[in-house]
C-alpha atoms as a PDB file:
ATOM      1  CA  UNK A   1     -25.056  -2.225 -17.862  1.00  0.00           C
ATOM      2  CA  UNK A   2     -22.425  -4.372 -16.161  1.00  0.00           C
ATOM      3  CA  UNK A   3     -22.376  -4.390 -12.355  1.00  0.00           C
ATOM      4  CA  UNK A   4     -18.740  -5.504 -12.333  1.00  0.00           C
ATOM      5  CA  UNK A   5     -16.348  -3.603 -10.094  1.00  0.00           C
ATOM      6  CA  UNK A   6     -13.146  -2.984 -12.050  1.00  0.00           C
ATOM      7  CA  UNK A   7      -9.981  -2.578  -9.991  1.00  0.00           C
ATOM      8  CA  UNK A   8      -6.569  -1.712 -11.354  1.00  0.00           C
ATOM      9  CA  UNK A   9      -3.706  -3.613  -9.710  1.00  0.00           C
ATOM     10  CA  UNK A  10      -0.186  -2.434 -10.417  1.00  0.00           C
ATOM     11  CA  UNK A  11       2.196  -4.905 -12.002  1.00  0.00           C
ATOM     12  CA  UNK A  12       4.802  -6.636  -9.846  1.00  0.00           C
ATOM     13  CA  UNK A  13       6.582  -9.989  -9.549  1.00  0.00           C
ATOM     14  CA  UNK A  14       3.845 -11.350  -7.241  1.00  0.00           C
ATOM     15  CA  UNK A  15       0.953  -9.836  -9.194  1.00  0.00           C
ATOM     16  CA  UNK A  16      -1.043 -13.095  -9.213  1.00  0.00           C
ATOM     17  CA  UNK A  17      -1.213 -13.176  -5.404  1.00  0.00           C
ATOM     18  CA  UNK A  18      -2.527  -9.613  -5.230  1.00  0.00           C
ATOM     19  CA  UNK A  19      -4.979 -10.257  -8.048  1.00  0.00           C
ATOM     20  CA  UNK A  20      -6.354 -13.372  -6.361  1.00  0.00           C
ATOM     21  CA  UNK A  21      -6.853 -11.444  -3.110  1.00  0.00           C
ATOM     22  CA  UNK A  22      -8.597  -8.545  -4.868  1.00  0.00           C
ATOM     23  CA  UNK A  23     -10.899 -11.039  -6.605  1.00  0.00           C
ATOM     24  CA  UNK A  24     -11.684 -12.896  -3.365  1.00  0.00           C
ATOM     25  CA  UNK A  25     -14.750 -12.353  -1.151  1.00  0.00           C
ATOM     26  CA  UNK A  26     -16.732 -10.875  -4.077  1.00  0.00           C
ATOM     27  CA  UNK A  27     -17.565 -12.513  -7.416  1.00  0.00           C
ATOM     28  CA  UNK A  28     -18.420  -9.207  -9.112  1.00  0.00           C
ATOM     29  CA  UNK A  29     -14.845  -7.921  -9.191  1.00  0.00           C
ATOM     30  CA  UNK A  30     -12.640  -7.736 -12.261  1.00  0.00           C
ATOM     31  CA  UNK A  31      -8.913  -6.892 -12.272  1.00  0.00           C
ATOM     32  CA  UNK A  32      -6.895  -4.902 -14.792  1.00  0.00           C
ATOM     33  CA  UNK A  33      -3.116  -5.289 -14.552  1.00  0.00           C
ATOM     34  CA  UNK A  34      -1.453  -1.879 -14.880  1.00  0.00           C
ATOM     35  CA  UNK A  35       2.247  -1.342 -15.525  1.00  0.00           C
ATOM     36  CA  UNK A  36       4.755   0.555 -17.611  1.00  0.00           C
ATOM     37  CA  UNK A  37       6.004  -2.723 -19.116  1.00  0.00           C
ATOM     38  CA  UNK A  38       2.483  -3.308 -20.408  1.00  0.00           C
ATOM     39  CA  UNK A  39       2.337   0.227 -21.833  1.00  0.00           C
ATOM     40  CA  UNK A  40      -1.301   0.427 -20.800  1.00  0.00           C
ATOM     41  CA  UNK A  41      -1.718   3.474 -18.581  1.00  0.00           C
ATOM     42  CA  UNK A  42      -4.870   4.438 -20.501  1.00  0.00           C
ATOM     43  CA  UNK A  43      -6.573   1.340 -19.060  1.00  0.00           C
ATOM     44  CA  UNK A  44      -6.817   3.258 -15.776  1.00  0.00           C
ATOM     45  CA  UNK A  45      -9.799   5.076 -17.277  1.00  0.00           C
ATOM     46  CA  UNK A  46     -11.803   1.858 -16.839  1.00  0.00           C
ATOM     47  CA  UNK A  47     -10.776   1.398 -13.179  1.00  0.00           C
ATOM     48  CA  UNK A  48     -13.035   2.284 -10.254  1.00  0.00           C
ATOM     49  CA  UNK A  49     -10.325   1.595  -7.678  1.00  0.00           C
ATOM     50  CA  UNK A  50      -6.556   1.084  -7.587  1.00  0.00           C
ATOM     51  CA  UNK A  51      -4.331  -1.252  -5.561  1.00  0.00           C
ATOM     52  CA  UNK A  52      -0.667  -0.265  -5.394  1.00  0.00           C
ATOM     53  CA  UNK A  53       1.296  -3.471  -4.852  1.00  0.00           C
ATOM     54  CA  UNK A  54       4.577  -4.316  -3.154  1.00  0.00           C
ATOM     55  CA  UNK A  55       7.983  -4.798  -4.699  1.00  0.00           C
ATOM     56  CA  UNK A  56      11.063  -2.729  -5.399  1.00  0.00           C
ATOM     57  CA  UNK A  57      12.637   0.007  -3.299  1.00  0.00           C
ATOM     58  CA  UNK A  58      11.583   3.508  -4.295  1.00  0.00           C
ATOM     59  CA  UNK A  59      14.594   5.354  -5.729  1.00  0.00           C
ATOM     60  CA  UNK A  60      15.682   7.861  -3.046  1.00  0.00           C
ATOM     61  CA  UNK A  61      16.193  10.605  -5.625  1.00  0.00           C
ATOM     62  CA  UNK A  62      12.399  10.929  -5.690  1.00  0.00           C
ATOM     63  CA  UNK A  63      12.419  12.091  -2.066  1.00  0.00           C
ATOM     64  CA  UNK A  64      15.602  14.165  -2.392  1.00  0.00           C
ATOM     65  CA  UNK A  65      17.801  11.721  -0.480  1.00  0.00           C
ATOM     66  CA  UNK A  66      20.097  10.389  -3.207  1.00  0.00           C
ATOM     67  CA  UNK A  67      22.701   9.717  -0.510  1.00  0.00           C
ATOM     68  CA  UNK A  68      20.433   6.883   0.710  1.00  0.00           C
ATOM     69  CA  UNK A  69      20.979   4.871  -2.466  1.00  0.00           C
ATOM     70  CA  UNK A  70      23.708   2.620  -0.915  1.00  0.00           C
ATOM     71  CA  UNK A  71      21.115   1.420   1.622  1.00  0.00           C
ATOM     72  CA  UNK A  72      18.761   0.272  -1.130  1.00  0.00           C
ATOM     73  CA  UNK A  73      18.968  -3.080  -2.855  1.00  0.00           C
ATOM     74  CA  UNK A  74      20.833  -2.268  -6.045  1.00  0.00           C
ATOM     75  CA  UNK A  75      19.083  -4.972  -8.065  1.00  0.00           C
ATOM     76  CA  UNK A  76      15.717  -3.929  -6.676  1.00  0.00           C
ATOM     77  CA  UNK A  77      15.293  -0.380  -7.999  1.00  0.00           C
ATOM     78  CA  UNK A  78      12.944   0.443 -10.861  1.00  0.00           C
ATOM     79  CA  UNK A  79      12.678   4.173 -11.576  1.00  0.00           C
ATOM     80  CA  UNK A  80      10.261   3.586 -14.446  1.00  0.00           C
ATOM     81  CA  UNK A  81       7.891   1.807 -12.082  1.00  0.00           C
ATOM     82  CA  UNK A  82       8.218   4.664  -9.590  1.00  0.00           C
ATOM     83  CA  UNK A  83       7.330   7.199 -12.279  1.00  0.00           C
ATOM     84  CA  UNK A  84       4.434   5.094 -13.554  1.00  0.00           C
ATOM     85  CA  UNK A  85       2.912   4.808 -10.084  1.00  0.00           C
ATOM     86  CA  UNK A  86       3.347   8.529  -9.391  1.00  0.00           C
ATOM     87  CA  UNK A  87       1.365   9.046 -12.597  1.00  0.00           C
ATOM     88  CA  UNK A  88      -1.285   6.622 -11.323  1.00  0.00           C
ATOM     89  CA  UNK A  89      -1.584   8.584  -8.074  1.00  0.00           C
ATOM     90  CA  UNK A  90      -1.834  11.865  -9.942  1.00  0.00           C
ATOM     91  CA  UNK A  91      -4.763  10.391 -11.872  1.00  0.00           C
ATOM     92  CA  UNK A  92      -6.507   8.949  -8.796  1.00  0.00           C
ATOM     93  CA  UNK A  93      -6.215  12.239  -6.913  1.00  0.00           C
ATOM     94  CA  UNK A  94      -7.545  14.237  -9.857  1.00  0.00           C
ATOM     95  CA  UNK A  95     -10.436  11.840 -10.410  1.00  0.00           C
ATOM     96  CA  UNK A  96     -11.229  10.859  -6.801  1.00  0.00           C
ATOM     97  CA  UNK A  97     -10.513   7.161  -7.337  1.00  0.00           C
ATOM     98  CA  UNK A  98     -10.227   4.998  -4.172  1.00  0.00           C
ATOM     99  CA  UNK A  99      -6.683   3.742  -3.531  1.00  0.00           C
ATOM    100  CA  UNK A 100      -5.304   0.971  -1.338  1.00  0.00           C
ATOM    101  CA  UNK A 101      -1.507   0.887  -1.095  1.00  0.00           C
ATOM    102  CA  UNK A 102       0.271  -2.227   0.195  1.00  0.00           C
ATOM    103  CA  UNK A 103       3.903  -2.282   1.449  1.00  0.00           C
ATOM    104  CA  UNK A 104       5.797  -0.527  -1.359  1.00  0.00           C
ATOM    105  CA  UNK A 105       2.398   0.971  -2.209  1.00  0.00           C
ATOM    106  CA  UNK A 106       2.479   2.864   1.083  1.00  0.00           C
ATOM    107  CA  UNK A 107       6.071   3.922   0.528  1.00  0.00           C
ATOM    108  CA  UNK A 108       5.568   5.209  -3.025  1.00  0.00           C
ATOM    109  CA  UNK A 109       2.365   6.889  -1.847  1.00  0.00           C
ATOM    110  CA  UNK A 110       4.131   8.689   0.978  1.00  0.00           C
ATOM    111  CA  UNK A 111       6.833   9.898  -1.423  1.00  0.00           C
ATOM    112  CA  UNK A 112       4.148  11.071  -3.861  1.00  0.00           C
ATOM    113  CA  UNK A 113       2.688  13.279  -1.138  1.00  0.00           C
ATOM    114  CA  UNK A 114       6.116  14.743  -0.324  1.00  0.00           C
ATOM    115  CA  UNK A 115       7.221  12.408   2.451  1.00  0.00           C
ATOM    116  CA  UNK A 116      10.510  10.552   2.886  1.00  0.00           C
ATOM    117  CA  UNK A 117      11.547   6.965   3.563  1.00  0.00           C
ATOM    118  CA  UNK A 118      13.823   5.072   5.909  1.00  0.00           C
ATOM    119  CA  UNK A 119      15.948   3.174   3.358  1.00  0.00           C
ATOM    120  CA  UNK A 120      16.907   0.302   5.665  1.00  0.00           C
ATOM    121  CA  UNK A 121      14.986  -0.243   8.899  1.00  0.00           C
ATOM    122  CA  UNK A 122      17.631  -2.198  10.914  1.00  0.00           C
ATOM    123  CA  UNK A 123      20.333   0.349  10.028  1.00  0.00           C
ATOM    124  CA  UNK A 124      18.069   3.065  11.430  1.00  0.00           C
ATOM    125  CA  UNK A 125      17.962   1.252  14.784  1.00  0.00           C
ATOM    126  CA  UNK A 126      14.635  -0.589  14.558  1.00  0.00           C
ATOM    127  CA  UNK A 127      13.859  -4.290  14.765  1.00  0.00           C
ATOM    128  CA  UNK A 128      14.293  -6.367  11.620  1.00  0.00           C
ATOM    129  CA  UNK A 129      11.059  -6.305   9.608  1.00  0.00           C
ATOM    130  CA  UNK A 130      12.270  -8.399   6.673  1.00  0.00           C
ATOM    131  CA  UNK A 131      11.383 -12.000   5.872  1.00  0.00           C
ATOM    132  CA  UNK A 132      12.610 -14.891   8.004  1.00  0.00           C
ATOM    133  CA  UNK A 133      15.637 -16.995   7.045  1.00  0.00           C
ATOM    134  CA  UNK A 134      13.337 -19.634   5.518  1.00  0.00           C
ATOM    135  CA  UNK A 135      11.847 -16.880   3.264  1.00  0.00           C
ATOM    136  CA  UNK A 136       8.512 -16.897   5.121  1.00  0.00           C
ATOM    137  CA  UNK A 137       6.866 -13.713   6.379  1.00  0.00           C
ATOM    138  CA  UNK A 138       7.813 -12.391   9.788  1.00  0.00           C
ATOM    139  CA  UNK A 139       4.865 -11.674  12.124  1.00  0.00           C
ATOM    140  CA  UNK A 140       4.559  -8.956  14.741  1.00  0.00           C
ATOM    141  CA  UNK A 141       1.968  -6.919  16.578  1.00  0.00           C
ATOM    142  CA  UNK A 142       0.794  -3.493  15.469  1.00  0.00           C
ATOM    143  CA  UNK A 143      -1.017  -0.763  17.369  1.00  0.00           C
ATOM    144  CA  UNK A 144      -3.884   1.007  15.602  1.00  0.00           C
ATOM    145  CA  UNK A 145      -4.690   4.591  16.555  1.00  0.00           C
ATOM    146  CA  UNK A 146      -8.100   4.363  18.309  1.00  0.00           C
ATOM    147  CA  UNK A 147      -9.253   7.612  16.678  1.00  0.00           C
ATOM    148  CA  UNK A 148      -8.173   6.687  13.146  1.00  0.00           C
ATOM    149  CA  UNK A 149     -10.272   5.812  10.126  1.00  0.00           C
ATOM    150  CA  UNK A 150      -8.276   2.562   9.899  1.00  0.00           C
ATOM    151  CA  UNK A 151      -9.437   1.667  13.401  1.00  0.00           C
ATOM    152  CA  UNK A 152     -13.065   1.976  12.292  1.00  0.00           C
ATOM    153  CA  UNK A 153     -12.267  -0.388   9.411  1.00  0.00           C
ATOM    154  CA  UNK A 154     -10.477  -3.135  11.362  1.00  0.00           C
ATOM    155  CA  UNK A 155     -12.391  -2.422  14.599  1.00  0.00           C
ATOM    156  CA  UNK A 156      -9.471  -3.402  16.841  1.00  0.00           C
ATOM    157  CA  UNK A 157      -6.744  -1.449  18.629  1.00  0.00           C
ATOM    158  CA  UNK A 158      -4.058  -4.123  18.262  1.00  0.00           C
ATOM    159  CA  UNK A 159      -3.413  -7.134  16.101  1.00  0.00           C
ATOM    160  CA  UNK A 160      -0.950  -9.491  14.468  1.00  0.00           C
ATOM    161  CA  UNK A 161       0.230  -8.812  10.917  1.00  0.00           C
ATOM    162  CA  UNK A 162       2.904 -10.143   8.598  1.00  0.00           C
ATOM    163  CA  UNK A 163       6.063  -8.334   7.623  1.00  0.00           C
ATOM    164  CA  UNK A 164       8.487  -8.640   4.720  1.00  0.00           C
ATOM    165  CA  UNK A 165      10.242  -5.341   4.029  1.00  0.00           C
ATOM    166  CA  UNK A 166      13.423  -3.438   4.819  1.00  0.00           C
ATOM    167  CA  UNK A 167      12.145   0.085   4.092  1.00  0.00           C
ATOM    168  CA  UNK A 168       9.429   2.162   5.723  1.00  0.00           C
ATOM    169  CA  UNK A 169       8.103   5.700   5.759  1.00  0.00           C
ATOM    170  CA  UNK A 170       9.972   8.387   7.671  1.00  0.00           C
ATOM    171  CA  UNK A 171       8.647  11.949   7.438  1.00  0.00           C
ATOM    172  CA  UNK A 172       4.931  11.761   6.681  1.00  0.00           C
ATOM    173  CA  UNK A 173       3.706  13.237   3.404  1.00  0.00           C
ATOM    174  CA  UNK A 174       1.518  16.326   3.240  1.00  0.00           C
ATOM    175  CA  UNK A 175      -2.133  15.639   3.968  1.00  0.00           C
ATOM    176  CA  UNK A 176      -1.406  12.200   5.441  1.00  0.00           C
ATOM    177  CA  UNK A 177      -1.306  10.931   9.009  1.00  0.00           C
ATOM    178  CA  UNK A 178       0.043   7.732  10.592  1.00  0.00           C
ATOM    179  CA  UNK A 179      -2.776   5.416  11.666  1.00  0.00           C
ATOM    180  CA  UNK A 180      -0.848   2.340  12.881  1.00  0.00           C
ATOM    181  CA  UNK A 181       2.649   1.594  14.154  1.00  0.00           C
ATOM    182  CA  UNK A 182       4.675  -1.413  15.243  1.00  0.00           C
ATOM    183  CA  UNK A 183       5.905  -1.544  18.876  1.00  0.00           C
ATOM    184  CA  UNK A 184       9.334  -0.293  17.738  1.00  0.00           C
ATOM    185  CA  UNK A 185       7.796   2.739  16.058  1.00  0.00           C
ATOM    186  CA  UNK A 186       7.793   1.723  12.391  1.00  0.00           C
ATOM    187  CA  UNK A 187       4.812   3.122  10.484  1.00  0.00           C
ATOM    188  CA  UNK A 188       2.381   0.346   9.602  1.00  0.00           C
ATOM    189  CA  UNK A 189      -0.605   2.340   8.356  1.00  0.00           C
ATOM    190  CA  UNK A 190      -1.336   5.771   6.879  1.00  0.00           C
ATOM    191  CA  UNK A 191      -4.465   7.595   5.789  1.00  0.00           C
ATOM    192  CA  UNK A 192      -5.675  11.060   4.899  1.00  0.00           C
ATOM    193  CA  UNK A 193      -5.390  13.603   7.704  1.00  0.00           C
ATOM    194  CA  UNK A 194      -8.815  14.925   6.721  1.00  0.00           C
ATOM    195  CA  UNK A 195     -11.155  12.349   5.164  1.00  0.00           C
ATOM    196  CA  UNK A 196     -14.318  14.373   4.656  1.00  0.00           C
ATOM    197  CA  UNK A 197     -15.118  14.985   1.024  1.00  0.00           C
ATOM    198  CA  UNK A 198     -12.064  13.018  -0.156  1.00  0.00           C
ATOM    199  CA  UNK A 199     -11.733   9.663  -1.873  1.00  0.00           C
ATOM    200  CA  UNK A 200     -10.715   6.508   0.022  1.00  0.00           C
ATOM    201  CA  UNK A 201      -6.945   6.435   0.598  1.00  0.00           C
ATOM    202  CA  UNK A 202      -5.412   3.836   2.918  1.00  0.00           C
ATOM    203  CA  UNK A 203      -1.796   2.688   2.960  1.00  0.00           C
ATOM    204  CA  UNK A 204      -0.652  -0.379   4.936  1.00  0.00           C
ATOM    205  CA  UNK A 205       2.803  -1.830   5.403  1.00  0.00           C
ATOM    206  CA  UNK A 206       1.690  -5.422   5.947  1.00  0.00           C
ATOM    207  CA  UNK A 207       0.511  -7.832   3.247  1.00  0.00           C
ATOM    208  CA  UNK A 208      -3.240  -8.493   3.597  1.00  0.00           C
ATOM    209  CA  UNK A 209      -3.147 -10.577   0.418  1.00  0.00           C
ATOM    210  CA  UNK A 210      -1.077 -13.268   2.111  1.00  0.00           C
ATOM    211  CA  UNK A 211      -1.932 -13.143   5.807  1.00  0.00           C
ATOM    212  CA  UNK A 212      -2.211 -16.697   7.118  1.00  0.00           C
ATOM    213  CA  UNK A 213      -5.660 -15.810   8.478  1.00  0.00           C
ATOM    214  CA  UNK A 214      -7.607 -14.396   5.540  1.00  0.00           C
ATOM    215  CA  UNK A 215     -10.584 -13.814   7.848  1.00  0.00           C
ATOM    216  CA  UNK A 216      -8.464 -11.433   9.922  1.00  0.00           C
ATOM    217  CA  UNK A 217      -9.860  -7.880  10.028  1.00  0.00           C
ATOM    218  CA  UNK A 218      -6.457  -6.779   8.712  1.00  0.00           C
ATOM    219  CA  UNK A 219      -7.287  -8.579   5.481  1.00  0.00           C
ATOM    220  CA  UNK A 220     -11.035  -9.123   5.067  1.00  0.00           C
ATOM    221  CA  UNK A 221     -12.234  -5.850   6.639  1.00  0.00           C
ATOM    222  CA  UNK A 222      -9.712  -3.876   4.618  1.00  0.00           C
ATOM    223  CA  UNK A 223     -10.917  -5.547   1.416  1.00  0.00           C
ATOM    224  CA  UNK A 224     -14.562  -4.906   2.287  1.00  0.00           C
ATOM    225  CA  UNK A 225     -13.985  -1.238   3.165  1.00  0.00           C
ATOM    226  CA  UNK A 226     -12.142  -0.688  -0.116  1.00  0.00           C
ATOM    227  CA  UNK A 227     -14.956  -2.266  -2.169  1.00  0.00           C
ATOM    228  CA  UNK A 228     -17.584  -0.323  -0.198  1.00  0.00           C
ATOM    229  CA  UNK A 229     -15.821   2.934  -1.012  1.00  0.00           C
ATOM    230  CA  UNK A 230     -15.769   2.000  -4.703  1.00  0.00           C
ATOM    231  CA  UNK A 231     -19.469   1.108  -4.700  1.00  0.00           C
ATOM    232  CA  UNK A 232     -20.330   4.382  -3.008  1.00  0.00           C
ATOM    233  CA  UNK A 233     -18.219   6.270  -5.505  1.00  0.00           C
ATOM    234  CA  UNK A 234     -16.232   7.949  -2.736  1.00  0.00           C
END
């Protein structure tokens, strides 16, 4: 019997970066690329964990705010991807599969659980969280709730993370709770409100797969906690 850990990683334009990060730190990991363009949803049956990757804006019709569409990037909407990833989350919830959502992954996850999004962070009166003019990631501090599950994973109350997004969560989805925020109040982490007896579910707004310091607890510890949950079958 193979001791490989098989993780499904949702398709996106930067899939290779996510895949490389998922495969790092542990040689017994295998990745399956999942996406509607690949027409391979059934492959999820082989996956012991799922990573929801970054990318396009979630269409605001899915959180009943169609009037927010003008604040989205018109060439960066993919309703078929939204629907595919909602289907993925339905499967993971029904089958207790550990999930790690990154950037858009947190946003689509929050919408799945009935939450809403801020369609453009600067317009809503927060600091700019998008990439720098030279296309590199912006960096800023985040505050981690000392009583959160995320805090037990990263084992720090504050830290520096990267940032490259213009949307964030607004009203928190049912059964979720905010676990980390930026100093200007943008949600940076979410988790289950009640963890006991439930599968691993952590959403983060930053990009652990491309933090400059890959030994940072906001990258390595997150990766290790995710793999531990898969191994334990939680």
